[in-house]
Amino acid sequence: MYGHIVTTGISFGTALAIAISYSTNHSVLWAIFHGFLSWIYVIYHVIFH
């Protein structure tokens, strides 16, 4: 089990960005867009909200 790295799937930052975006905007399209931004959107949300 040691040395096994997951190479597919979404990162924690992406999932967090999608969850924050959807709970704030209630829009799937914005959630997908913010998911692409990942940690950039999470940091933006923490600083400005």
C-alpha atoms as a PDB file:
ATOM      1  CA  MET A   1       0.000   0.000   0.000  1.00  0.00           C
ATOM      2  CA  TYR A   2       2.879   2.377   0.572  1.00  0.00           C
ATOM      3  CA  GLY A   3       3.904   4.395  -2.461  1.00  0.00           C
ATOM      4  CA  HIS A   4       0.455   4.170  -4.088  1.00  0.00           C
ATOM      5  CA  ILE A   5      -0.539   7.557  -5.515  1.00  0.00           C
ATOM      6  CA  VAL A   6      -3.979   8.431  -6.829  1.00  0.00           C
ATOM      7  CA  THR A   7      -3.608   9.913 -10.302  1.00  0.00           C
ATOM      8  CA  THR A   8      -7.261  10.402 -11.222  1.00  0.00           C
ATOM      9  CA  GLY A   9     -10.214  12.061  -9.598  1.00  0.00           C
ATOM     10  CA  ILE A  10     -10.707  15.487  -8.106  1.00  0.00           C
ATOM     11  CA  SER A  11      -8.577  17.067  -5.432  1.00  0.00           C
ATOM     12  CA  PHE A  12      -9.781  18.165  -2.027  1.00  0.00           C
ATOM     13  CA  GLY A  13      -9.410  21.800  -3.130  1.00  0.00           C
ATOM     14  CA  THR A  14     -11.665  21.231  -6.127  1.00  0.00           C
ATOM     15  CA  ALA A  15     -14.347  19.525  -4.038  1.00  0.00           C
ATOM     16  CA  LEU A  16     -14.152  22.286  -1.442  1.00  0.00           C
ATOM     17  CA  ALA A  17     -14.421  25.016  -4.094  1.00  0.00           C
ATOM     18  CA  ILE A  18     -17.468  23.320  -5.638  1.00  0.00           C
ATOM     19  CA  ALA A  19     -19.182  22.936  -2.259  1.00  0.00           C
ATOM     20  CA  ILE A  20     -18.515  26.549  -1.223  1.00  0.00           C
ATOM     21  CA  SER A  21     -19.576  27.904  -4.606  1.00  0.00           C
ATOM     22  CA  TYR A  22     -22.811  25.918  -4.738  1.00  0.00           C
ATOM     23  CA  SER A  23     -23.790  26.816  -1.179  1.00  0.00           C
ATOM     24  CA  THR A  24     -23.098  30.496  -1.895  1.00  0.00           C
ATOM     25  CA  ASN A  25     -24.522  30.863  -5.430  1.00  0.00           C
ATOM     26  CA  HIS A  26     -26.946  27.899  -5.769  1.00  0.00           C
ATOM     27  CA  SER A  27     -25.746  27.456  -9.355  1.00  0.00           C
ATOM     28  CA  VAL A  28     -24.243  24.317 -10.853  1.00  0.00           C
ATOM     29  CA  LEU A  29     -22.529  26.266 -13.650  1.00  0.00           C
ATOM     30  CA  TRP A  30     -20.753  28.583 -11.196  1.00  0.00           C
ATOM     31  CA  ALA A  31     -19.809  25.560  -9.083  1.00  0.00           C
ATOM     32  CA  ILE A  32     -18.188  23.872 -12.089  1.00  0.00           C
ATOM     33  CA  PHE A  33     -16.328  27.064 -13.019  1.00  0.00           C
ATOM     34  CA  HIS A  34     -15.099  27.566  -9.467  1.00  0.00           C
ATOM     35  CA  GLY A  35     -14.104  23.893  -9.361  1.00  0.00           C
ATOM     36  CA  PHE A  36     -11.674  24.588 -12.201  1.00  0.00           C
ATOM     37  CA  LEU A  37     -10.195  27.440 -10.171  1.00  0.00           C
ATOM     38  CA  SER A  38      -9.903  25.138  -7.145  1.00  0.00           C
ATOM     39  CA  TRP A  39      -7.723  26.608  -4.355  1.00  0.00           C
ATOM     40  CA  ILE A  40      -7.713  30.064  -5.974  1.00  0.00           C
ATOM     41  CA  TYR A  41     -11.464  30.342  -5.376  1.00  0.00           C
ATOM     42  CA  VAL A  42     -11.223  28.870  -1.867  1.00  0.00           C
ATOM     43  CA  ILE A  43      -8.611  31.454  -0.847  1.00  0.00           C
ATOM     44  CA  TYR A  44     -10.639  34.246  -2.494  1.00  0.00           C
ATOM     45  CA  HIS A  45     -13.754  33.174  -0.602  1.00  0.00           C
ATOM     46  CA  VAL A  46     -11.912  33.067   2.736  1.00  0.00           C
ATOM     47  CA  ILE A  47     -10.418  36.539   2.254  1.00  0.00           C
ATOM     48  CA  PHE A  48     -13.445  38.385   0.876  1.00  0.00           C
ATOM     49  CA  HIS A  49     -16.446  36.695   2.544  1.00  0.00           C
END
